[in-house]
Amino acid sequence: MTAAVIVQARMASTRLPGKVLMDLGGRTVLDHVLTRCKAVAGADIVCCAIPDTPDCAPLADAARALDCAVFVGSEADVLARYWGAAEMVGAETILRVTSDCPLIDPTICARVLAEVTAGRADFACNNMPPSWPHGLDCEAVSFTWLTQAYEEAEKKFEREHVMPWIRNNDAVKKANVAGPGGGIEHHRWTLDNPQDMEFLRALWPRLPGDGPDSWSYEVPLAIVEADPDLAAINAGQDRLEGLKKSMRES
């Protein structure tokens, strides 16, 4: 059974254009994400799924430099882009990660992926309900169900956000990998706007390194919980803002 981590990436961004190629600790944000995704246990391949727009060519170059596969597809229909990427690499199980999560934890991703590859679920995630810092989110699904969503999902937000049709389908056997508790879900580690980048650039020099020993969520968590001023830089934002906007427009 082939399991693929598919990372969606694009250059266009309303609030922070070109964010995934911005520098963070001497490497691009995309570099951090793809490198960590390559360390996900149980995954056979990492594929970067990018839009078919000229400005995204540097993303393909960056992904190939890290020995990742590249799929080019629709910018707006991200569900179709995921399905095409999964078909291209022959994936029977897909782990979805977004390119704005430079602190993504390979161990948590592996736990989510295993729920589907082991046959315990058709779809698994770690945010139903949210219990991890925002920026550790990932979702896994079988190719069978991804195909059904690709063929049947009709609403704009279902196509843009890939998994809502699956999440809301009662016939799908679902699993959630819950966090350790303690209210850590209020932390914001994603990259959506300048405040998020300010936070990440303030955090990065305080990490003990940039290798596997520092990839556990516990490392940044200890730092931000010991320094409320650091966590306050980008606090107070709605983690579902993008989804809610798409739902209003559908």
C-alpha atoms as a PDB file:
ATOM      1  CA  MET A   1       0.000   0.000   0.000  1.00  0.00           C
ATOM      2  CA  THR A   2       1.501   3.318  -1.100  1.00  0.00           C
ATOM      3  CA  ALA A   3       1.051   6.202   1.332  1.00  0.00           C
ATOM      4  CA  ALA A   4       1.777   9.712   0.125  1.00  0.00           C
ATOM      5  CA  VAL A   5       2.116  12.981   1.966  1.00  0.00           C
ATOM      6  CA  ILE A   6       0.687  15.594  -0.360  1.00  0.00           C
ATOM      7  CA  VAL A   7       1.569  19.173   0.511  1.00  0.00           C
ATOM      8  CA  GLN A   8      -0.454  21.909  -1.144  1.00  0.00           C
ATOM      9  CA  ALA A   9       1.510  25.074  -1.898  1.00  0.00           C
ATOM     10  CA  ARG A  10       0.977  28.255  -3.885  1.00  0.00           C
ATOM     11  CA  MET A  11       2.524  31.700  -4.238  1.00  0.00           C
ATOM     12  CA  ALA A  12      -0.720  33.682  -4.159  1.00  0.00           C
ATOM     13  CA  SER A  13      -1.947  34.704  -0.719  1.00  0.00           C
ATOM     14  CA  THR A  14      -4.317  37.501   0.171  1.00  0.00           C
ATOM     15  CA  ARG A  15      -2.649  38.359   3.467  1.00  0.00           C
ATOM     16  CA  LEU A  16       0.988  37.369   2.839  1.00  0.00           C
ATOM     17  CA  PRO A  17       1.889  36.779  -0.835  1.00  0.00           C
ATOM     18  CA  GLY A  18       4.829  34.466  -1.468  1.00  0.00           C
ATOM     19  CA  LYS A  19       4.910  33.358   2.158  1.00  0.00           C
ATOM     20  CA  VAL A  20       6.021  29.764   1.517  1.00  0.00           C
ATOM     21  CA  LEU A  21       9.298  30.914  -0.068  1.00  0.00           C
ATOM     22  CA  MET A  22      10.055  33.452   2.653  1.00  0.00           C
ATOM     23  CA  ASP A  23      13.132  32.947   4.782  1.00  0.00           C
ATOM     24  CA  LEU A  24      12.740  31.373   8.192  1.00  0.00           C
ATOM     25  CA  GLY A  25      15.968  30.575   9.982  1.00  0.00           C
ATOM     26  CA  GLY A  26      18.028  30.459   6.799  1.00  0.00           C
ATOM     27  CA  ARG A  27      15.675  28.180   4.851  1.00  0.00           C
ATOM     28  CA  THR A  28      12.347  28.710   3.164  1.00  0.00           C
ATOM     29  CA  VAL A  29       9.093  27.880   4.899  1.00  0.00           C
ATOM     30  CA  LEU A  30       8.382  25.292   2.193  1.00  0.00           C
ATOM     31  CA  ASP A  31      11.776  23.684   2.814  1.00  0.00           C
ATOM     32  CA  HIS A  32      10.937  23.232   6.498  1.00  0.00           C
ATOM     33  CA  VAL A  33       7.539  21.712   5.702  1.00  0.00           C
ATOM     34  CA  LEU A  34       8.726  19.282   3.025  1.00  0.00           C
ATOM     35  CA  THR A  35      11.778  18.194   5.027  1.00  0.00           C
ATOM     36  CA  ARG A  36       9.628  17.342   8.025  1.00  0.00           C
ATOM     37  CA  CYS A  37       7.056  15.575   5.858  1.00  0.00           C
ATOM     38  CA  LYS A  38       9.797  13.345   4.430  1.00  0.00           C
ATOM     39  CA  ALA A  39      10.373  12.129   8.000  1.00  0.00           C
ATOM     40  CA  VAL A  40       6.789  10.925   8.512  1.00  0.00           C
ATOM     41  CA  ALA A  41       6.933   7.230   9.397  1.00  0.00           C
ATOM     42  CA  GLY A  42       4.764   5.102   7.134  1.00  0.00           C
ATOM     43  CA  ALA A  43       4.856   7.535   4.218  1.00  0.00           C
ATOM     44  CA  ASP A  44       6.425   6.312   0.988  1.00  0.00           C
ATOM     45  CA  ILE A  45       6.574   9.566  -0.967  1.00  0.00           C
ATOM     46  CA  VAL A  46       6.119  13.311  -0.531  1.00  0.00           C
ATOM     47  CA  CYS A  47       4.447  15.233  -3.326  1.00  0.00           C
ATOM     48  CA  CYS A  48       4.110  19.008  -3.573  1.00  0.00           C
ATOM     49  CA  ALA A  49       0.840  19.899  -5.320  1.00  0.00           C
ATOM     50  CA  ILE A  50       1.003  23.369  -6.853  1.00  0.00           C
ATOM     51  CA  PRO A  51      -1.244  25.502  -9.088  1.00  0.00           C
ATOM     52  CA  ASP A  52      -0.793  25.697 -12.827  1.00  0.00           C
ATOM     53  CA  THR A  53       0.172  29.381 -12.728  1.00  0.00           C
ATOM     54  CA  PRO A  54       3.525  30.822 -13.908  1.00  0.00           C
ATOM     55  CA  ASP A  55       4.352  32.340 -10.529  1.00  0.00           C
ATOM     56  CA  CYS A  56       4.421  28.872  -8.942  1.00  0.00           C
ATOM     57  CA  ALA A  57       7.320  27.531 -11.031  1.00  0.00           C
ATOM     58  CA  PRO A  58       9.831  28.304  -8.221  1.00  0.00           C
ATOM     59  CA  LEU A  59       7.805  26.047  -5.926  1.00  0.00           C
ATOM     60  CA  ALA A  60       8.302  23.130  -8.288  1.00  0.00           C
ATOM     61  CA  ASP A  61      12.033  23.802  -8.401  1.00  0.00           C
ATOM     62  CA  ALA A  62      12.233  23.984  -4.610  1.00  0.00           C
ATOM     63  CA  ALA A  63      10.315  20.727  -4.166  1.00  0.00           C
ATOM     64  CA  ARG A  64      12.375  18.830  -6.732  1.00  0.00           C
ATOM     65  CA  ALA A  65      15.568  20.052  -5.054  1.00  0.00           C
ATOM     66  CA  LEU A  66      14.409  18.137  -1.985  1.00  0.00           C
ATOM     67  CA  ASP A  67      13.644  15.004  -4.057  1.00  0.00           C
ATOM     68  CA  CYS A  68       9.909  15.478  -3.720  1.00  0.00           C
ATOM     69  CA  ALA A  69       7.447  14.720  -6.490  1.00  0.00           C
ATOM     70  CA  VAL A  70       5.570  17.647  -8.047  1.00  0.00           C
ATOM     71  CA  PHE A  71       2.024  17.764  -9.383  1.00  0.00           C
ATOM     72  CA  VAL A  72       0.647  20.814 -11.176  1.00  0.00           C
ATOM     73  CA  GLY A  73      -3.116  21.350 -11.190  1.00  0.00           C
ATOM     74  CA  SER A  74      -6.005  23.719 -10.620  1.00  0.00           C
ATOM     75  CA  GLU A  75      -5.404  26.711  -8.354  1.00  0.00           C
ATOM     76  CA  ALA A  76      -9.009  27.071  -7.177  1.00  0.00           C
ATOM     77  CA  ASP A  77     -10.088  23.410  -7.186  1.00  0.00           C
ATOM     78  CA  VAL A  78      -7.647  22.113  -4.602  1.00  0.00           C
ATOM     79  CA  LEU A  79      -9.601  18.885  -4.225  1.00  0.00           C
ATOM     80  CA  ALA A  80      -8.980  18.132  -7.906  1.00  0.00           C
ATOM     81  CA  ARG A  81      -5.319  19.011  -7.401  1.00  0.00           C
ATOM     82  CA  TYR A  82      -5.061  16.529  -4.531  1.00  0.00           C
ATOM     83  CA  TRP A  83      -6.816  13.802  -6.473  1.00  0.00           C
ATOM     84  CA  GLY A  84      -4.544  14.331  -9.475  1.00  0.00           C
ATOM     85  CA  ALA A  85      -1.442  14.256  -7.294  1.00  0.00           C
ATOM     86  CA  ALA A  86      -2.589  11.080  -5.554  1.00  0.00           C
ATOM     87  CA  GLU A  87      -3.339   9.384  -8.875  1.00  0.00           C
ATOM     88  CA  MET A  88       0.026  10.438 -10.297  1.00  0.00           C
ATOM     89  CA  VAL A  89       2.029   8.855  -7.460  1.00  0.00           C
ATOM     90  CA  GLY A  90      -0.250   5.814  -7.122  1.00  0.00           C
ATOM     91  CA  ALA A  91      -1.263   6.635  -3.551  1.00  0.00           C
ATOM     92  CA  GLU A  92      -3.742   4.378  -1.798  1.00  0.00           C
ATOM     93  CA  THR A  93      -3.608   6.550   1.316  1.00  0.00           C
ATOM     94  CA  ILE A  94      -3.084  10.319   1.347  1.00  0.00           C
ATOM     95  CA  LEU A  95      -1.906  12.531   4.190  1.00  0.00           C
ATOM     96  CA  ARG A  96      -2.803  16.176   3.608  1.00  0.00           C
ATOM     97  CA  VAL A  97      -0.455  18.849   4.930  1.00  0.00           C
ATOM     98  CA  THR A  98      -0.492  22.536   4.024  1.00  0.00           C
ATOM     99  CA  SER A  99       2.672  24.475   3.219  1.00  0.00           C
ATOM    100  CA  ASP A 100       2.030  27.166   5.819  1.00  0.00           C
ATOM    101  CA  CYS A 101       2.921  24.865   8.737  1.00  0.00           C
ATOM    102  CA  PRO A 102       6.714  24.995   9.252  1.00  0.00           C
ATOM    103  CA  LEU A 103       6.383  23.457  12.744  1.00  0.00           C
ATOM    104  CA  ILE A 104       4.489  20.385  11.501  1.00  0.00           C
ATOM    105  CA  ASP A 105       5.399  17.406  13.719  1.00  0.00           C
ATOM    106  CA  PRO A 106       6.267  14.206  11.784  1.00  0.00           C
ATOM    107  CA  THR A 107       5.349  12.012  14.757  1.00  0.00           C
ATOM    108  CA  ILE A 108       1.837  13.421  15.024  1.00  0.00           C
ATOM    109  CA  CYS A 109       1.448  13.117  11.250  1.00  0.00           C
ATOM    110  CA  ALA A 110       2.509   9.469  11.437  1.00  0.00           C
ATOM    111  CA  ARG A 111      -0.117   8.757  14.082  1.00  0.00           C
ATOM    112  CA  VAL A 112      -2.854  10.279  11.916  1.00  0.00           C
ATOM    113  CA  LEU A 113      -1.659   8.454   8.800  1.00  0.00           C
ATOM    114  CA  ALA A 114      -1.552   5.115  10.650  1.00  0.00           C
ATOM    115  CA  GLU A 115      -5.257   5.308  11.498  1.00  0.00           C
ATOM    116  CA  VAL A 116      -6.014   4.930   7.788  1.00  0.00           C
ATOM    117  CA  THR A 117      -3.154   2.690   6.661  1.00  0.00           C
ATOM    118  CA  ALA A 118      -3.933   0.245   9.485  1.00  0.00           C
ATOM    119  CA  GLY A 119      -7.564   0.102   8.394  1.00  0.00           C
ATOM    120  CA  ARG A 120      -9.015   1.615  11.556  1.00  0.00           C
ATOM    121  CA  ALA A 121     -10.538   4.526   9.655  1.00  0.00           C
ATOM    122  CA  ASP A 122     -11.319   5.814   6.162  1.00  0.00           C
ATOM    123  CA  PHE A 123     -10.481   9.350   7.260  1.00  0.00           C
ATOM    124  CA  ALA A 124      -8.400  10.575  10.182  1.00  0.00           C
ATOM    125  CA  CYS A 125      -7.301  13.953  11.463  1.00  0.00           C
ATOM    126  CA  ASN A 126      -6.062  15.674  14.599  1.00  0.00           C
ATOM    127  CA  ASN A 127      -8.455  18.611  14.794  1.00  0.00           C
ATOM    128  CA  MET A 128     -11.941  17.189  15.212  1.00  0.00           C
ATOM    129  CA  PRO A 129     -12.248  19.005  17.596  1.00  0.00           C
ATOM    130  CA  PRO A 130      -9.040  21.074  17.721  1.00  0.00           C
ATOM    131  CA  SER A 131      -6.721  19.934  20.521  1.00  0.00           C
ATOM    132  CA  TRP A 132      -3.246  20.733  19.117  1.00  0.00           C
ATOM    133  CA  PRO A 133      -1.674  24.118  18.327  1.00  0.00           C
ATOM    134  CA  HIS A 134      -2.938  25.503  15.029  1.00  0.00           C
ATOM    135  CA  GLY A 135      -0.165  24.667  12.580  1.00  0.00           C
ATOM    136  CA  LEU A 136       0.089  20.979  13.466  1.00  0.00           C
ATOM    137  CA  ASP A 137      -3.084  20.104  11.545  1.00  0.00           C
ATOM    138  CA  CYS A 138      -3.105  17.173   9.145  1.00  0.00           C
ATOM    139  CA  GLU A 139      -5.658  14.817   7.591  1.00  0.00           C
ATOM    140  CA  ALA A 140      -5.423  11.332   6.122  1.00  0.00           C
ATOM    141  CA  VAL A 141      -7.863   9.633   3.777  1.00  0.00           C
ATOM    142  CA  SER A 142      -8.087   6.587   1.547  1.00  0.00           C
ATOM    143  CA  PHE A 143      -7.841   7.145  -2.198  1.00  0.00           C
ATOM    144  CA  THR A 144     -11.268   5.533  -2.544  1.00  0.00           C
ATOM    145  CA  TRP A 145     -12.924   8.237  -0.471  1.00  0.00           C
ATOM    146  CA  LEU A 146     -10.822  11.014  -1.970  1.00  0.00           C
ATOM    147  CA  THR A 147     -12.036   9.862  -5.374  1.00  0.00           C
ATOM    148  CA  GLN A 148     -15.657   9.906  -4.256  1.00  0.00           C
ATOM    149  CA  ALA A 149     -15.234  13.426  -2.911  1.00  0.00           C
ATOM    150  CA  TYR A 150     -13.535  14.500  -6.142  1.00  0.00           C
ATOM    151  CA  GLU A 151     -16.467  13.135  -8.158  1.00  0.00           C
ATOM    152  CA  GLU A 152     -19.330  14.321  -5.932  1.00  0.00           C
ATOM    153  CA  ALA A 153     -18.362  17.450  -3.983  1.00  0.00           C
ATOM    154  CA  GLU A 154     -20.041  20.491  -5.519  1.00  0.00           C
ATOM    155  CA  LYS A 155     -19.738  23.458  -3.171  1.00  0.00           C
ATOM    156  CA  LYS A 156     -16.874  25.908  -3.527  1.00  0.00           C
ATOM    157  CA  PHE A 157     -15.612  25.432   0.029  1.00  0.00           C
ATOM    158  CA  GLU A 158     -15.644  21.646  -0.438  1.00  0.00           C
ATOM    159  CA  ARG A 159     -13.393  21.957  -3.482  1.00  0.00           C
ATOM    160  CA  GLU A 160     -11.129  24.620  -1.975  1.00  0.00           C
ATOM    161  CA  HIS A 161     -10.585  22.971   1.422  1.00  0.00           C
ATOM    162  CA  VAL A 162     -10.362  19.377   0.107  1.00  0.00           C
ATOM    163  CA  MET A 163     -11.817  17.404   3.012  1.00  0.00           C
ATOM    164  CA  PRO A 164     -15.163  18.989   4.124  1.00  0.00           C
ATOM    165  CA  TRP A 165     -17.270  16.649   1.967  1.00  0.00           C
ATOM    166  CA  ILE A 166     -15.510  13.670   3.557  1.00  0.00           C
ATOM    167  CA  ARG A 167     -15.668  15.078   7.080  1.00  0.00           C
ATOM    168  CA  ASN A 168     -19.412  15.642   6.740  1.00  0.00           C
ATOM    169  CA  ASN A 169     -20.238  12.273   5.152  1.00  0.00           C
ATOM    170  CA  ASP A 170     -21.817   9.928   7.695  1.00  0.00           C
ATOM    171  CA  ALA A 171     -20.771   6.870   5.690  1.00  0.00           C
ATOM    172  CA  VAL A 172     -17.071   7.616   6.236  1.00  0.00           C
ATOM    173  CA  LYS A 173     -15.449   5.836   9.185  1.00  0.00           C
ATOM    174  CA  LYS A 174     -13.550   8.591  10.993  1.00  0.00           C
ATOM    175  CA  ALA A 175     -10.848   8.816  13.651  1.00  0.00           C
ATOM    176  CA  ASN A 176      -9.311  11.727  15.536  1.00  0.00           C
ATOM    177  CA  VAL A 177      -5.853  11.805  17.130  1.00  0.00           C
ATOM    178  CA  ALA A 178      -6.380  13.995  20.184  1.00  0.00           C
ATOM    179  CA  GLY A 179      -3.789  16.218  21.806  1.00  0.00           C
ATOM    180  CA  PRO A 180      -2.453  15.810  25.337  1.00  0.00           C
ATOM    181  CA  GLY A 181      -4.850  18.321  26.873  1.00  0.00           C
ATOM    182  CA  GLY A 182      -3.986  21.379  28.888  1.00  0.00           C
ATOM    183  CA  GLY A 183      -5.555  23.870  26.500  1.00  0.00           C
ATOM    184  CA  ILE A 184      -2.616  23.927  24.083  1.00  0.00           C
ATOM    185  CA  GLU A 185      -4.958  24.311  21.110  1.00  0.00           C
ATOM    186  CA  HIS A 186      -5.059  28.085  21.668  1.00  0.00           C
ATOM    187  CA  HIS A 187      -1.478  28.414  20.390  1.00  0.00           C
ATOM    188  CA  ARG A 188      -1.111  29.604  16.796  1.00  0.00           C
ATOM    189  CA  TRP A 189       1.844  28.205  14.816  1.00  0.00           C
ATOM    190  CA  THR A 190       0.555  28.567  11.266  1.00  0.00           C
ATOM    191  CA  LEU A 191       1.649  31.188   8.716  1.00  0.00           C
ATOM    192  CA  ASP A 192      -1.185  33.229   7.281  1.00  0.00           C
ATOM    193  CA  ASN A 193      -0.266  36.889   7.819  1.00  0.00           C
ATOM    194  CA  PRO A 194       2.592  39.203   8.841  1.00  0.00           C
ATOM    195  CA  GLN A 195       1.864  38.707  12.551  1.00  0.00           C
ATOM    196  CA  ASP A 196       2.307  34.965  12.151  1.00  0.00           C
ATOM    197  CA  MET A 197       5.666  35.487  10.450  1.00  0.00           C
ATOM    198  CA  GLU A 198       6.719  37.880  13.200  1.00  0.00           C
ATOM    199  CA  PHE A 199       5.923  35.162  15.744  1.00  0.00           C
ATOM    200  CA  LEU A 200       7.761  32.413  13.839  1.00  0.00           C
ATOM    201  CA  ARG A 201      10.852  34.555  13.304  1.00  0.00           C
ATOM    202  CA  ALA A 202      10.893  35.431  17.004  1.00  0.00           C
ATOM    203  CA  LEU A 203      10.537  31.767  17.953  1.00  0.00           C
ATOM    204  CA  TRP A 204      13.010  30.215  15.508  1.00  0.00           C
ATOM    205  CA  PRO A 205      16.301  31.432  17.045  1.00  0.00           C
ATOM    206  CA  ARG A 206      15.153  30.033  20.376  1.00  0.00           C
ATOM    207  CA  LEU A 207      14.715  26.502  19.071  1.00  0.00           C
ATOM    208  CA  PRO A 208      17.571  24.186  20.103  1.00  0.00           C
ATOM    209  CA  GLY A 209      18.314  23.240  16.509  1.00  0.00           C
ATOM    210  CA  ASP A 210      16.811  22.646  13.089  1.00  0.00           C
ATOM    211  CA  GLY A 211      16.973  18.863  12.917  1.00  0.00           C
ATOM    212  CA  PRO A 212      14.833  15.909  13.995  1.00  0.00           C
ATOM    213  CA  ASP A 213      15.659  16.397  17.672  1.00  0.00           C
ATOM    214  CA  SER A 214      13.753  19.686  17.649  1.00  0.00           C
ATOM    215  CA  TRP A 215      10.787  18.631  15.515  1.00  0.00           C
ATOM    216  CA  SER A 216       8.573  17.426  18.376  1.00  0.00           C
ATOM    217  CA  TYR A 217       5.739  19.825  19.202  1.00  0.00           C
ATOM    218  CA  GLU A 218       6.927  19.703  22.811  1.00  0.00           C
ATOM    219  CA  VAL A 219      10.007  21.795  21.947  1.00  0.00           C
ATOM    220  CA  PRO A 220       8.246  24.975  20.737  1.00  0.00           C
ATOM    221  CA  LEU A 221       5.438  24.394  23.213  1.00  0.00           C
ATOM    222  CA  ALA A 222       7.822  24.644  26.171  1.00  0.00           C
ATOM    223  CA  ILE A 223       9.248  27.878  24.769  1.00  0.00           C
ATOM    224  CA  VAL A 224       5.951  29.663  24.119  1.00  0.00           C
ATOM    225  CA  GLU A 225       4.339  28.541  27.357  1.00  0.00           C
ATOM    226  CA  ALA A 226       7.324  29.933  29.271  1.00  0.00           C
ATOM    227  CA  ASP A 227       7.033  33.281  27.469  1.00  0.00           C
ATOM    228  CA  PRO A 228       3.451  34.609  27.158  1.00  0.00           C
ATOM    229  CA  ASP A 229       4.724  37.705  25.317  1.00  0.00           C
ATOM    230  CA  LEU A 230       6.015  35.490  22.518  1.00  0.00           C
ATOM    231  CA  ALA A 231       2.726  33.656  22.149  1.00  0.00           C
ATOM    232  CA  ALA A 232       0.839  36.967  22.241  1.00  0.00           C
ATOM    233  CA  ILE A 233       2.444  38.214  19.002  1.00  0.00           C
ATOM    234  CA  ASN A 234      -0.145  36.478  16.810  1.00  0.00           C
ATOM    235  CA  ALA A 235      -2.751  35.387  19.356  1.00  0.00           C
ATOM    236  CA  GLY A 236      -6.497  35.929  19.172  1.00  0.00           C
ATOM    237  CA  GLN A 237      -7.123  34.880  15.567  1.00  0.00           C
ATOM    238  CA  ASP A 238      -9.865  32.555  14.336  1.00  0.00           C
ATOM    239  CA  ARG A 239      -8.309  29.294  13.146  1.00  0.00           C
ATOM    240  CA  LEU A 240     -11.302  28.655  10.867  1.00  0.00           C
ATOM    241  CA  GLU A 241     -11.345  32.094   9.231  1.00  0.00           C
ATOM    242  CA  GLY A 242     -10.474  30.807   5.761  1.00  0.00           C
ATOM    243  CA  LEU A 243     -13.020  28.000   5.816  1.00  0.00           C
ATOM    244  CA  LYS A 244     -15.781  30.282   7.093  1.00  0.00           C
ATOM    245  CA  LYS A 245     -15.031  32.800   4.337  1.00  0.00           C
ATOM    246  CA  SER A 246     -15.278  30.085   1.680  1.00  0.00           C
ATOM    247  CA  MET A 247     -18.515  28.771   3.145  1.00  0.00           C
ATOM    248  CA  ARG A 248     -20.058  32.248   3.011  1.00  0.00           C
ATOM    249  CA  GLU A 249     -19.081  32.511  -0.656  1.00  0.00           C
ATOM    250  CA  SER A 250     -20.390  29.057  -1.612  1.00  0.00           C
END
